[in-house]
Protein backbone atom coordinates (compact mmCIF):
# COMPACT_ATOMS: atom_id res chain seq x y z
CA MET A 1 71.09 142.95 60.40
CA SER A 2 71.47 139.37 59.19
CA GLU A 3 73.13 136.61 61.17
CA ALA A 4 75.88 136.51 58.56
CA ASP A 5 76.62 140.23 59.06
CA MET A 6 76.80 139.76 62.84
CA GLU A 7 79.29 136.93 62.38
CA VAL A 8 81.48 139.11 60.16
CA GLU A 9 81.56 141.81 62.82
CA ARG A 10 82.65 139.41 65.55
CA ASP A 11 86.35 139.83 66.32
CA TYR A 12 87.51 136.25 66.75
CA GLU A 13 91.16 137.25 66.76
CA THR A 14 90.73 139.43 69.85
CA GLU A 15 88.52 136.88 71.62
CA ALA A 16 91.00 134.09 70.91
CA LYS A 17 93.97 136.11 72.25
CA GLU A 18 92.03 136.90 75.43
CA GLN A 19 91.50 133.15 75.88
CA GLY A 20 95.18 132.30 75.45
CA PHE A 21 95.32 131.64 71.71
CA ASN A 22 98.86 131.49 70.31
CA ALA A 23 98.76 132.74 66.74
CA ASN A 24 102.42 131.75 66.24
CA TYR A 25 101.84 128.09 67.04
CA ASP A 26 102.64 125.97 63.99
CA GLY A 27 102.09 122.42 65.25
CA PRO A 28 100.12 119.58 63.65
CA ASN A 29 96.86 120.57 65.39
CA LYS A 30 97.05 124.25 64.52
CA VAL A 31 93.66 125.96 64.19
CA ASP A 32 92.54 129.45 63.32
CA ALA A 33 91.18 131.93 65.88
CA LYS A 34 87.53 131.31 64.96
CA THR A 35 87.85 127.54 65.45
CA PHE A 36 89.72 128.08 68.72
CA VAL A 37 86.93 130.30 70.10
CA GLU A 38 84.14 127.97 68.95
CA ARG A 39 85.84 124.94 70.51
CA GLY A 40 86.23 126.85 73.75
CA GLU A 41 82.52 127.64 73.73
CA LYS A 42 81.68 124.00 73.14
CA ILE A 43 83.95 122.88 75.99
CA ALA A 44 82.26 125.41 78.28
CA GLY A 45 78.89 124.04 77.18
CA ILE A 46 79.90 120.48 78.04
CA LEU A 47 81.07 121.58 81.46
CA LYS A 48 77.87 123.57 82.11
CA THR A 49 75.74 120.54 81.20
CA ARG A 50 77.77 118.42 83.58
CA LEU A 51 77.46 120.94 86.42
CA ASP A 52 73.72 121.35 85.81
CA LYS A 53 73.27 117.60 86.17
CA GLN A 54 75.28 117.52 89.38
CA GLU A 55 73.25 120.40 90.81
CA SER A 56 70.05 118.53 89.94
CA GLN A 57 71.28 115.42 91.76
CA ILE A 58 72.32 117.46 94.79
CA GLU A 59 68.89 119.10 94.91
CA SER A 60 67.30 115.65 94.77
CA LEU A 61 69.44 114.47 97.69
CA GLN A 62 68.59 117.61 99.67
CA GLU A 63 64.88 117.03 99.06
CA SER A 64 65.25 113.44 100.27
CA ASN A 65 66.97 114.77 103.39
CA ARG A 66 64.14 117.25 103.96
CA GLN A 67 61.48 114.58 103.55
CA PHE A 68 63.25 112.24 105.95
CA GLY A 69 63.68 115.07 108.46
CA GLU A 70 59.93 115.74 108.31
CA TYR A 71 59.19 112.03 108.64
CA HIS A 72 61.50 111.80 111.65
CA LYS A 73 59.89 114.86 113.28
CA GLN A 74 56.43 113.35 112.86
CA THR A 75 57.67 110.10 114.39
CA LEU A 76 59.12 111.95 117.39
CA ASP A 77 55.91 113.93 117.89
CA ALA A 78 53.83 110.76 117.82
CA GLN A 79 56.18 109.08 120.33
CA ARG A 80 56.03 112.07 122.66
CA LYS A 81 52.23 112.03 122.64
CA LYS A 82 52.28 108.32 123.38
CA ASP A 83 54.78 108.84 126.22
CA ALA A 84 52.63 111.64 127.67
CA GLY A 85 49.67 109.26 127.86
CA THR A 86 51.80 106.52 129.41
CA ILE A 87 53.23 108.91 132.02
CA ALA A 88 49.73 110.10 132.93
CA ASP A 89 48.65 106.48 133.51
CA LEU A 90 51.78 105.75 135.57
CA LYS A 91 51.24 108.85 137.74
CA ALA A 92 47.74 107.64 138.46
CA LYS A 93 49.18 104.29 139.50
CA VAL A 94 51.78 106.01 141.70
CA ALA A 95 49.02 107.96 143.44
CA GLN A 96 47.05 104.76 143.97
CA ALA A 97 50.15 103.04 145.35
CA VAL A 98 50.51 105.87 147.89
CA THR A 99 46.87 105.50 148.85
CA ASP A 100 47.27 101.75 149.23
CA GLY A 101 50.58 102.06 151.05
CA ASP A 102 52.15 99.76 148.44
CA GLY A 103 55.84 100.74 148.48
CA GLN A 104 56.86 98.15 145.89
CA ALA A 105 54.31 99.40 143.33
CA TYR A 106 55.21 103.01 144.10
CA THR A 107 58.90 102.34 143.37
CA LYS A 108 58.19 100.41 140.18
CA TYR A 109 55.87 103.00 138.61
CA SER A 110 58.11 105.88 139.69
CA ASN A 111 61.11 104.20 138.03
CA ASP A 112 59.07 103.67 134.86
CA ILE A 113 58.28 107.39 134.74
CA ASP A 114 61.93 108.32 135.30
CA SER A 115 63.01 105.98 132.50
CA ILE A 116 60.61 107.50 129.98
CA GLN A 117 61.56 111.05 130.92
CA ALA A 118 65.27 110.24 130.68
CA ASN A 119 64.79 108.99 127.12
CA GLN A 120 62.91 112.16 126.23
CA GLN A 121 65.81 114.29 127.47
CA ALA A 122 68.35 112.46 125.27
CA PRO A 123 69.80 114.47 122.36
CA THR A 124 67.20 114.81 119.63
CA ASP A 125 69.21 116.72 117.03
CA ASP A 126 69.00 113.73 114.70
CA ALA A 127 68.19 115.89 111.67
CA GLN A 128 71.62 117.53 111.82
CA ALA A 129 73.33 114.17 112.29
CA TRP A 130 71.37 112.81 109.33
CA ASN A 131 72.46 115.71 107.11
CA GLN A 132 76.09 115.14 108.04
CA LEU A 133 75.80 111.43 107.25
CA SER A 134 74.09 112.08 103.91
CA GLN A 135 76.68 114.67 102.85
CA ARG A 136 79.55 112.36 103.70
CA TRP A 137 77.84 109.48 101.89
CA ALA A 138 77.31 111.60 98.77
CA SER A 139 80.96 112.66 98.74
CA GLU A 140 82.07 109.02 99.03
CA ASN A 141 79.60 107.74 96.42
CA LYS A 142 80.11 109.96 93.38
CA TRP A 143 77.90 107.68 91.29
CA TYR A 144 74.84 109.26 92.93
CA ALA A 145 75.55 112.57 91.17
CA ASP A 146 77.14 111.08 88.05
CA ASN A 147 74.78 108.23 87.13
CA PRO A 148 71.08 109.16 86.74
CA LYS A 149 70.02 105.52 86.50
CA LEU A 150 71.66 104.57 89.79
CA SER A 151 70.51 107.71 91.61
CA ALA A 152 66.90 107.15 90.48
CA TYR A 153 67.07 103.58 91.72
CA ALA A 154 68.56 104.67 95.06
CA ASP A 155 65.81 107.26 95.53
CA GLY A 156 63.23 104.61 94.67
CA ILE A 157 64.28 102.18 97.41
CA SER A 158 64.92 104.78 100.13
CA ASP A 159 61.40 104.60 101.56
CA ARG A 160 61.53 100.81 101.55
CA LEU A 161 64.76 100.81 103.57
CA ARG A 162 63.28 103.19 106.13
CA GLY A 163 60.20 101.01 106.33
CA GLU A 164 62.45 98.04 107.07
CA GLY A 165 63.89 99.92 110.03
CA TYR A 166 67.22 101.12 108.65
CA THR A 167 68.37 104.42 110.16
CA GLY A 168 71.59 106.42 110.49
CA GLN A 169 74.76 104.90 109.09
CA SER A 170 73.13 101.47 108.68
CA TYR A 171 70.66 103.05 106.23
CA PHE A 172 73.41 104.42 103.98
CA SER A 173 75.48 101.23 104.19
CA GLU A 174 72.49 99.14 103.17
CA LEU A 175 71.56 101.58 100.41
CA THR A 176 75.05 101.32 98.92
CA ARG A 177 75.06 97.53 99.25
CA ARG A 178 71.75 97.06 97.46
CA VAL A 179 72.60 99.42 94.60
CA GLN A 180 75.94 97.66 94.05
CA GLU A 181 74.27 94.27 94.32
CA ASP A 182 71.56 95.09 91.76
CA PHE A 183 73.89 96.89 89.33
CA PRO A 184 77.25 95.08 89.61
CA ASP A 185 78.35 96.05 86.10
CA GLU A 186 78.17 99.75 87.02
CA PHE A 187 80.82 99.24 89.72
CA THR A 188 83.33 97.26 87.68
CA ASN A 189 86.92 98.36 88.19
CA PRO A 190 87.68 100.47 85.08
CA ASN A 191 91.40 99.58 85.24
CA ARG A 192 90.54 95.90 85.27
CA SER A 193 88.22 96.35 82.29
CA MET A 194 90.88 98.25 80.40
CA ALA A 195 93.45 95.56 81.15
CA SER A 196 91.07 92.88 79.89
CA SER A 197 90.54 94.85 76.70
CA VAL A 198 94.26 95.17 76.10
CA GLU A 199 94.81 91.48 76.79
CA ALA A 200 92.12 90.69 74.24
CA GLY A 201 93.92 92.76 71.63
CA GLY A 202 91.84 95.92 72.11
CA ASP A 203 93.28 99.42 72.00
CA ARG A 204 91.13 102.41 72.88
CA GLY A 205 93.47 104.58 70.80
CA THR A 206 92.48 102.67 67.65
CA THR A 207 88.76 102.29 68.34
CA SER A 208 86.43 102.15 65.38
CA GLU A 209 84.25 104.93 66.80
CA ALA A 210 84.01 108.24 64.97
CA GLY A 211 86.33 109.85 67.50
CA ASN A 212 88.57 108.99 70.44
CA TYR A 213 90.92 110.74 72.82
CA ASP A 214 93.90 110.43 70.45
CA SER A 215 91.89 112.19 67.75
CA LEU A 216 91.26 115.28 69.88
CA PRO A 217 93.09 118.47 68.96
CA ALA A 218 95.73 119.64 71.41
CA ASP A 219 93.58 122.32 73.07
CA ALA A 220 90.69 119.89 73.54
CA LYS A 221 93.04 117.25 75.00
CA ALA A 222 94.32 119.80 77.51
CA ALA A 223 90.78 120.74 78.50
CA CYS A 224 89.80 117.07 78.74
CA ASP A 225 92.77 116.27 80.98
CA ASP A 226 91.94 119.21 83.23
CA PHE A 227 88.25 118.23 83.56
CA VAL A 228 89.18 114.64 84.38
CA LYS A 229 91.76 115.79 86.95
CA GLN A 230 89.19 118.07 88.63
CA GLY A 231 86.65 115.23 88.69
CA PHE A 232 84.10 117.00 86.47
CA MET A 233 83.82 114.12 84.00
CA THR A 234 85.55 111.03 82.67
CA GLN A 235 87.68 110.99 79.55
CA GLU A 236 85.04 108.86 77.84
CA ASP A 237 82.29 111.39 78.65
CA TYR A 238 84.32 114.24 77.18
CA VAL A 239 85.13 112.35 73.98
CA ARG A 240 81.51 111.25 73.59
CA ASN A 241 80.30 114.85 73.79
CA PHE A 242 83.00 116.32 71.57
CA GLU A 243 82.03 116.79 67.93
CA PHE A 244 84.87 115.85 65.62
CA ASP A 245 85.36 117.70 62.38
CA GLU A 246 85.68 115.79 59.16
CA GLY A 247 89.04 114.12 58.85
CA GLY A 248 89.31 113.48 62.61
CA GLN A 249 90.51 117.01 63.41
């Protein structure tokens, strides 16, 4: 069976009605059932691409968390081995102090042992705390999932920040500061930019690009507004990915 025959057999009318198509609508942006279904499929494709990218960024962040957790575990293990050697040396000194009857030395070395052991007994569930910090940071910095250039840069300087001694909340604060400092244009207030454009005589509704938000058909505008409201994408992203038919329809 040819592709043309398969297309003929497809019941666009039924599919469109199941998706909310109003055959009685007679407005300026009226479309037939086939066009309605195809636009819906394209909108779904745009959303899937967006979600796939977000999932990829989340996986990258999770991998960074895993690597840091492993790094932190190795650091703790190395410190514990070092402490064990120090404690062994101090115990030998305590024993010698007892033999020598040196009460002052005995007290000093005993206190040193107690101090080390107290630090070892402090909460060590830093991996969980780190995961909580990273999740909160990601939710507050949407650019990490939305902007591949910025997220790649952030991943690239993460090891350097750790090497400089940044940990916990200070690590994330410094990470945000450096990304914003190195890419200031990416963090420009969009409302301010829009205001400047209007003051300069610009009007996004009359842009010279092949398509803009005002050129979208009614169903696409509704989908765009919903995606923007839900935080899936910006209006500009939707318009950029939407293919306009000839005549701006």
